[in-house]
Amino acid sequence: MSIHLTPTELAREAGMHRREVIAKCMELGVPIFQGRIDKTLFIKSLKAQKKQLAKA
């Protein structure tokens, strides 16, 4: 199982659109290196953001 995925592959796994994945990366500061995104970092950043929004 690969950890570094393209935005299209990550969108498929996360149930999002490709553009949403890229926008979230920019918003959360998740790096896109050579067209690949670290899946675990992306998912953990999303969960942290949701938890932070739930507190507010």
PDB file of N, CA and C in Angstrom:
ATOM      1  N   MET A   1       0.843  -1.182   0.000  1.00  0.00           N
ATOM      2  CA  MET A   1       0.000   0.000   0.000  1.00  0.00           C
ATOM      3  C   MET A   1       0.890   1.248   0.000  1.00  0.00           C
ATOM      4  N   SER A   2       0.605   2.115  -0.910  1.00  0.00           N
ATOM      5  CA  SER A   2       1.403   3.325  -1.056  1.00  0.00           C
ATOM      6  C   SER A   2       0.926   4.411  -0.088  1.00  0.00           C
ATOM      7  N   ILE A   3       1.873   5.161   0.419  1.00  0.00           N
ATOM      8  CA  ILE A   3       1.547   6.250   1.328  1.00  0.00           C
ATOM      9  C   ILE A   3       1.496   7.575   0.574  1.00  0.00           C
ATOM     10  N   HIS A   4       2.316   7.735  -0.429  1.00  0.00           N
ATOM     11  CA  HIS A   4       2.359   8.976  -1.199  1.00  0.00           C
ATOM     12  C   HIS A   4       1.526   8.798  -2.461  1.00  0.00           C
ATOM     13  N   LEU A   5       0.429   9.557  -2.534  1.00  0.00           N
ATOM     14  CA  LEU A   5      -0.530   9.396  -3.620  1.00  0.00           C
ATOM     15  C   LEU A   5      -0.679  10.683  -4.419  1.00  0.00           C
ATOM     16  N   THR A   6      -1.128  10.525  -5.650  1.00  0.00           N
ATOM     17  CA  THR A   6      -1.458  11.703  -6.460  1.00  0.00           C
ATOM     18  C   THR A   6      -2.765  12.277  -5.922  1.00  0.00           C
ATOM     19  N   PRO A   7      -3.064  13.529  -6.227  1.00  0.00           N
ATOM     20  CA  PRO A   7      -4.331  14.112  -5.778  1.00  0.00           C
ATOM     21  C   PRO A   7      -5.556  13.303  -6.223  1.00  0.00           C
ATOM     22  N   THR A   8      -5.507  12.732  -7.416  1.00  0.00           N
ATOM     23  CA  THR A   8      -6.620  11.936  -7.920  1.00  0.00           C
ATOM     24  C   THR A   8      -6.799  10.662  -7.096  1.00  0.00           C
ATOM     25  N   GLU A   9      -5.697   9.975  -6.809  1.00  0.00           N
ATOM     26  CA  GLU A   9      -5.760   8.745  -6.014  1.00  0.00           C
ATOM     27  C   GLU A   9      -6.234   9.036  -4.597  1.00  0.00           C
ATOM     28  N   LEU A  10      -5.728  10.110  -4.019  1.00  0.00           N
ATOM     29  CA  LEU A  10      -6.107  10.482  -2.660  1.00  0.00           C
ATOM     30  C   LEU A  10      -7.573  10.890  -2.600  1.00  0.00           C
ATOM     31  N   ALA A  11      -8.044  11.594  -3.601  1.00  0.00           N
ATOM     32  CA  ALA A  11      -9.452  11.996  -3.660  1.00  0.00           C
ATOM     33  C   ALA A  11     -10.344  10.762  -3.687  1.00  0.00           C
ATOM     34  N   ARG A  12      -9.963   9.769  -4.469  1.00  0.00           N
ATOM     35  CA  ARG A  12     -10.728   8.527  -4.554  1.00  0.00           C
ATOM     36  C   ARG A  12     -10.811   7.855  -3.183  1.00  0.00           C
ATOM     37  N   GLU A  13      -9.705   7.799  -2.477  1.00  0.00           N
ATOM     38  CA  GLU A  13      -9.673   7.142  -1.162  1.00  0.00           C
ATOM     39  C   GLU A  13     -10.392   7.937  -0.087  1.00  0.00           C
ATOM     40  N   ALA A  14     -10.345   9.267  -0.179  1.00  0.00           N
ATOM     41  CA  ALA A  14     -10.955  10.115   0.842  1.00  0.00           C
ATOM     42  C   ALA A  14     -12.412  10.456   0.535  1.00  0.00           C
ATOM     43  N   GLY A  15     -12.894  10.072  -0.635  1.00  0.00           N
ATOM     44  CA  GLY A  15     -14.269  10.373  -1.000  1.00  0.00           C
ATOM     45  C   GLY A  15     -14.482  11.846  -1.302  1.00  0.00           C
ATOM     46  N   MET A  16     -13.486  12.459  -1.887  1.00  0.00           N
ATOM     47  CA  MET A  16     -13.536  13.880  -2.217  1.00  0.00           C
ATOM     48  C   MET A  16     -13.265  14.049  -3.708  1.00  0.00           C
ATOM     49  N   HIS A  17     -13.389  15.290  -4.169  1.00  0.00           N
ATOM     50  CA  HIS A  17     -12.996  15.616  -5.535  1.00  0.00           C
ATOM     51  C   HIS A  17     -11.529  16.025  -5.524  1.00  0.00           C
ATOM     52  N   ARG A  18     -10.875  15.874  -6.652  1.00  0.00           N
ATOM     53  CA  ARG A  18      -9.455  16.193  -6.787  1.00  0.00           C
ATOM     54  C   ARG A  18      -9.171  17.644  -6.387  1.00  0.00           C
ATOM     55  N   ARG A  19      -9.996  18.562  -6.853  1.00  0.00           N
ATOM     56  CA  ARG A  19      -9.792  19.983  -6.533  1.00  0.00           C
ATOM     57  C   ARG A  19      -9.949  20.260  -5.043  1.00  0.00           C
ATOM     58  N   GLU A  20     -10.858  19.533  -4.383  1.00  0.00           N
ATOM     59  CA  GLU A  20     -11.031  19.688  -2.943  1.00  0.00           C
ATOM     60  C   GLU A  20      -9.775  19.256  -2.201  1.00  0.00           C
ATOM     61  N   VAL A  21      -9.173  18.168  -2.650  1.00  0.00           N
ATOM     62  CA  VAL A  21      -7.945  17.662  -2.022  1.00  0.00           C
ATOM     63  C   VAL A  21      -6.834  18.706  -2.136  1.00  0.00           C
ATOM     64  N   ILE A  22      -6.672  19.259  -3.313  1.00  0.00           N
ATOM     65  CA  ILE A  22      -5.622  20.262  -3.526  1.00  0.00           C
ATOM     66  C   ILE A  22      -5.898  21.509  -2.689  1.00  0.00           C
ATOM     67  N   ALA A  23      -7.158  21.941  -2.649  1.00  0.00           N
ATOM     68  CA  ALA A  23      -7.516  23.122  -1.855  1.00  0.00           C
ATOM     69  C   ALA A  23      -7.255  22.881  -0.368  1.00  0.00           C
ATOM     70  N   LYS A  24      -7.599  21.695   0.122  1.00  0.00           N
ATOM     71  CA  LYS A  24      -7.363  21.371   1.531  1.00  0.00           C
ATOM     72  C   LYS A  24      -5.871  21.315   1.843  1.00  0.00           C
ATOM     73  N   CYS A  25      -5.086  20.805   0.911  1.00  0.00           N
ATOM     74  CA  CYS A  25      -3.631  20.782   1.108  1.00  0.00           C
ATOM     75  C   CYS A  25      -3.105  22.199   1.277  1.00  0.00           C
ATOM     76  N   MET A  26      -3.578  23.095   0.432  1.00  0.00           N
ATOM     77  CA  MET A  26      -3.137  24.487   0.519  1.00  0.00           C
ATOM     78  C   MET A  26      -3.597  25.110   1.836  1.00  0.00           C
ATOM     79  N   GLU A  27      -4.829  24.839   2.225  1.00  0.00           N
ATOM     80  CA  GLU A  27      -5.400  25.400   3.448  1.00  0.00           C
ATOM     81  C   GLU A  27      -4.716  24.870   4.702  1.00  0.00           C
ATOM     82  N   LEU A  28      -4.419  23.577   4.716  1.00  0.00           N
ATOM     83  CA  LEU A  28      -3.851  22.939   5.901  1.00  0.00           C
ATOM     84  C   LEU A  28      -2.325  22.934   5.923  1.00  0.00           C
ATOM     85  N   GLY A  29      -1.706  23.341   4.827  1.00  0.00           N
ATOM     86  CA  GLY A  29      -0.253  23.366   4.776  1.00  0.00           C
ATOM     87  C   GLY A  29       0.374  22.006   4.534  1.00  0.00           C
ATOM     88  N   VAL A  30      -0.388  21.102   3.939  1.00  0.00           N
ATOM     89  CA  VAL A  30       0.141  19.776   3.609  1.00  0.00           C
ATOM     90  C   VAL A  30       0.901  19.897   2.291  1.00  0.00           C
ATOM     91  N   PRO A  31       2.171  19.546   2.275  1.00  0.00           N
ATOM     92  CA  PRO A  31       2.953  19.721   1.051  1.00  0.00           C
ATOM     93  C   PRO A  31       2.584  18.734  -0.053  1.00  0.00           C
ATOM     94  N   ILE A  32       2.645  19.228  -1.277  1.00  0.00           N
ATOM     95  CA  ILE A  32       2.508  18.377  -2.460  1.00  0.00           C
ATOM     96  C   ILE A  32       3.891  18.375  -3.095  1.00  0.00           C
ATOM     97  N   PHE A  33       4.586  17.253  -2.975  1.00  0.00           N
ATOM     98  CA  PHE A  33       5.962  17.160  -3.452  1.00  0.00           C
ATOM     99  C   PHE A  33       6.011  16.263  -4.671  1.00  0.00           C
ATOM    100  N   GLN A  34       6.468  16.802  -5.773  1.00  0.00           N
ATOM    101  CA  GLN A  34       6.566  16.092  -7.051  1.00  0.00           C
ATOM    102  C   GLN A  34       5.237  15.433  -7.425  1.00  0.00           C
ATOM    103  N   GLY A  35       4.140  16.167  -7.180  1.00  0.00           N
ATOM    104  CA  GLY A  35       2.820  15.690  -7.566  1.00  0.00           C
ATOM    105  C   GLY A  35       2.236  14.624  -6.660  1.00  0.00           C
ATOM    106  N   ARG A  36       2.837  14.409  -5.501  1.00  0.00           N
ATOM    107  CA  ARG A  36       2.360  13.385  -4.563  1.00  0.00           C
ATOM    108  C   ARG A  36       2.092  14.003  -3.196  1.00  0.00           C
ATOM    109  N   ILE A  37       1.123  13.428  -2.498  1.00  0.00           N
ATOM    110  CA  ILE A  37       0.720  13.907  -1.177  1.00  0.00           C
ATOM    111  C   ILE A  37       0.847  12.748  -0.198  1.00  0.00           C
ATOM    112  N   ASP A  38       1.369  13.039   0.986  1.00  0.00           N
ATOM    113  CA  ASP A  38       1.470  12.031   2.039  1.00  0.00           C
ATOM    114  C   ASP A  38       0.063  11.783   2.585  1.00  0.00           C
ATOM    115  N   LYS A  39      -0.430  10.587   2.366  1.00  0.00           N
ATOM    116  CA  LYS A  39      -1.802  10.233   2.741  1.00  0.00           C
ATOM    117  C   LYS A  39      -2.041  10.370   4.247  1.00  0.00           C
ATOM    118  N   THR A  40      -1.120   9.862   5.065  1.00  0.00           N
ATOM    119  CA  THR A  40      -1.316   9.896   6.511  1.00  0.00           C
ATOM    120  C   THR A  40      -1.312  11.326   7.038  1.00  0.00           C
ATOM    121  N   LEU A  41      -0.424  12.163   6.518  1.00  0.00           N
ATOM    122  CA  LEU A  41      -0.378  13.559   6.943  1.00  0.00           C
ATOM    123  C   LEU A  41      -1.662  14.283   6.544  1.00  0.00           C
ATOM    124  N   PHE A  42      -2.161  14.023   5.354  1.00  0.00           N
ATOM    125  CA  PHE A  42      -3.389  14.651   4.874  1.00  0.00           C
ATOM    126  C   PHE A  42      -4.577  14.248   5.750  1.00  0.00           C
ATOM    127  N   ILE A  43      -4.734  12.958   6.005  1.00  0.00           N
ATOM    128  CA  ILE A  43      -5.870  12.471   6.796  1.00  0.00           C
ATOM    129  C   ILE A  43      -5.804  12.987   8.232  1.00  0.00           C
ATOM    130  N   LYS A  44      -4.619  12.969   8.832  1.00  0.00           N
ATOM    131  CA  LYS A  44      -4.479  13.465  10.208  1.00  0.00           C
ATOM    132  C   LYS A  44      -4.749  14.962  10.283  1.00  0.00           C
ATOM    133  N   SER A  45      -4.324  15.714   9.276  1.00  0.00           N
ATOM    134  CA  SER A  45      -4.580  17.148   9.251  1.00  0.00           C
ATOM    135  C   SER A  45      -6.072  17.435   9.112  1.00  0.00           C
ATOM    136  N   LEU A  46      -6.765  16.659   8.296  1.00  0.00           N
ATOM    137  CA  LEU A  46      -8.210  16.815   8.148  1.00  0.00           C
ATOM    138  C   LEU A  46      -8.932  16.530   9.464  1.00  0.00           C
ATOM    139  N   LYS A  47      -8.541  15.440  10.127  1.00  0.00           N
ATOM    140  CA  LYS A  47      -9.169  15.075  11.399  1.00  0.00           C
ATOM    141  C   LYS A  47      -8.917  16.137  12.461  1.00  0.00           C
ATOM    142  N   ALA A  48      -7.709  16.677  12.494  1.00  0.00           N
ATOM    143  CA  ALA A  48      -7.380  17.722  13.467  1.00  0.00           C
ATOM    144  C   ALA A  48      -8.210  18.977  13.210  1.00  0.00           C
ATOM    145  N   GLN A  49      -8.398  19.319  11.943  1.00  0.00           N
ATOM    146  CA  GLN A  49      -9.204  20.486  11.609  1.00  0.00           C
ATOM    147  C   GLN A  49     -10.659  20.275  12.027  1.00  0.00           C
ATOM    148  N   LYS A  50     -11.201  19.099  11.771  1.00  0.00           N
ATOM    149  CA  LYS A  50     -12.587  18.791  12.156  1.00  0.00           C
ATOM    150  C   LYS A  50     -12.756  18.847  13.671  1.00  0.00           C
ATOM    151  N   LYS A  51     -11.757  18.320  14.402  1.00  0.00           N
ATOM    152  CA  LYS A  51     -11.822  18.347  15.851  1.00  0.00           C
ATOM    153  C   LYS A  51     -11.777  19.782  16.366  1.00  0.00           C
ATOM    154  N   GLN A  52     -10.933  20.597  15.743  1.00  0.00           N
ATOM    155  CA  GLN A  52     -10.806  21.991  16.148  1.00  0.00           C
ATOM    156  C   GLN A  52     -12.097  22.770  15.863  1.00  0.00           C
ATOM    157  N   LEU A  53     -12.736  22.482  14.746  1.00  0.00           N
ATOM    158  CA  LEU A  53     -13.999  23.139  14.401  1.00  0.00           C
ATOM    159  C   LEU A  53     -15.121  22.696  15.325  1.00  0.00           C
ATOM    160  N   ALA A  54     -15.076  21.459  15.778  1.00  0.00           N
ATOM    161  CA  ALA A  54     -16.103  20.944  16.683  1.00  0.00           C
ATOM    162  C   ALA A  54     -16.018  21.634  18.045  1.00  0.00           C
ATOM    163  N   LYS A  55     -14.805  21.995  18.468  1.00  0.00           N
ATOM    164  CA  LYS A  55     -14.621  22.684  19.744  1.00  0.00           C
ATOM    165  C   LYS A  55     -15.177  24.099  19.697  1.00  0.00           C
ATOM    166  N   ALA A  56     -15.088  24.730  18.538  1.00  0.00           N
ATOM    167  CA  ALA A  56     -15.507  26.134  18.419  1.00  0.00           C
ATOM    168  C   ALA A  56     -16.996  26.305  18.321  1.00  0.00           C
TER     169      ALA A  56
END
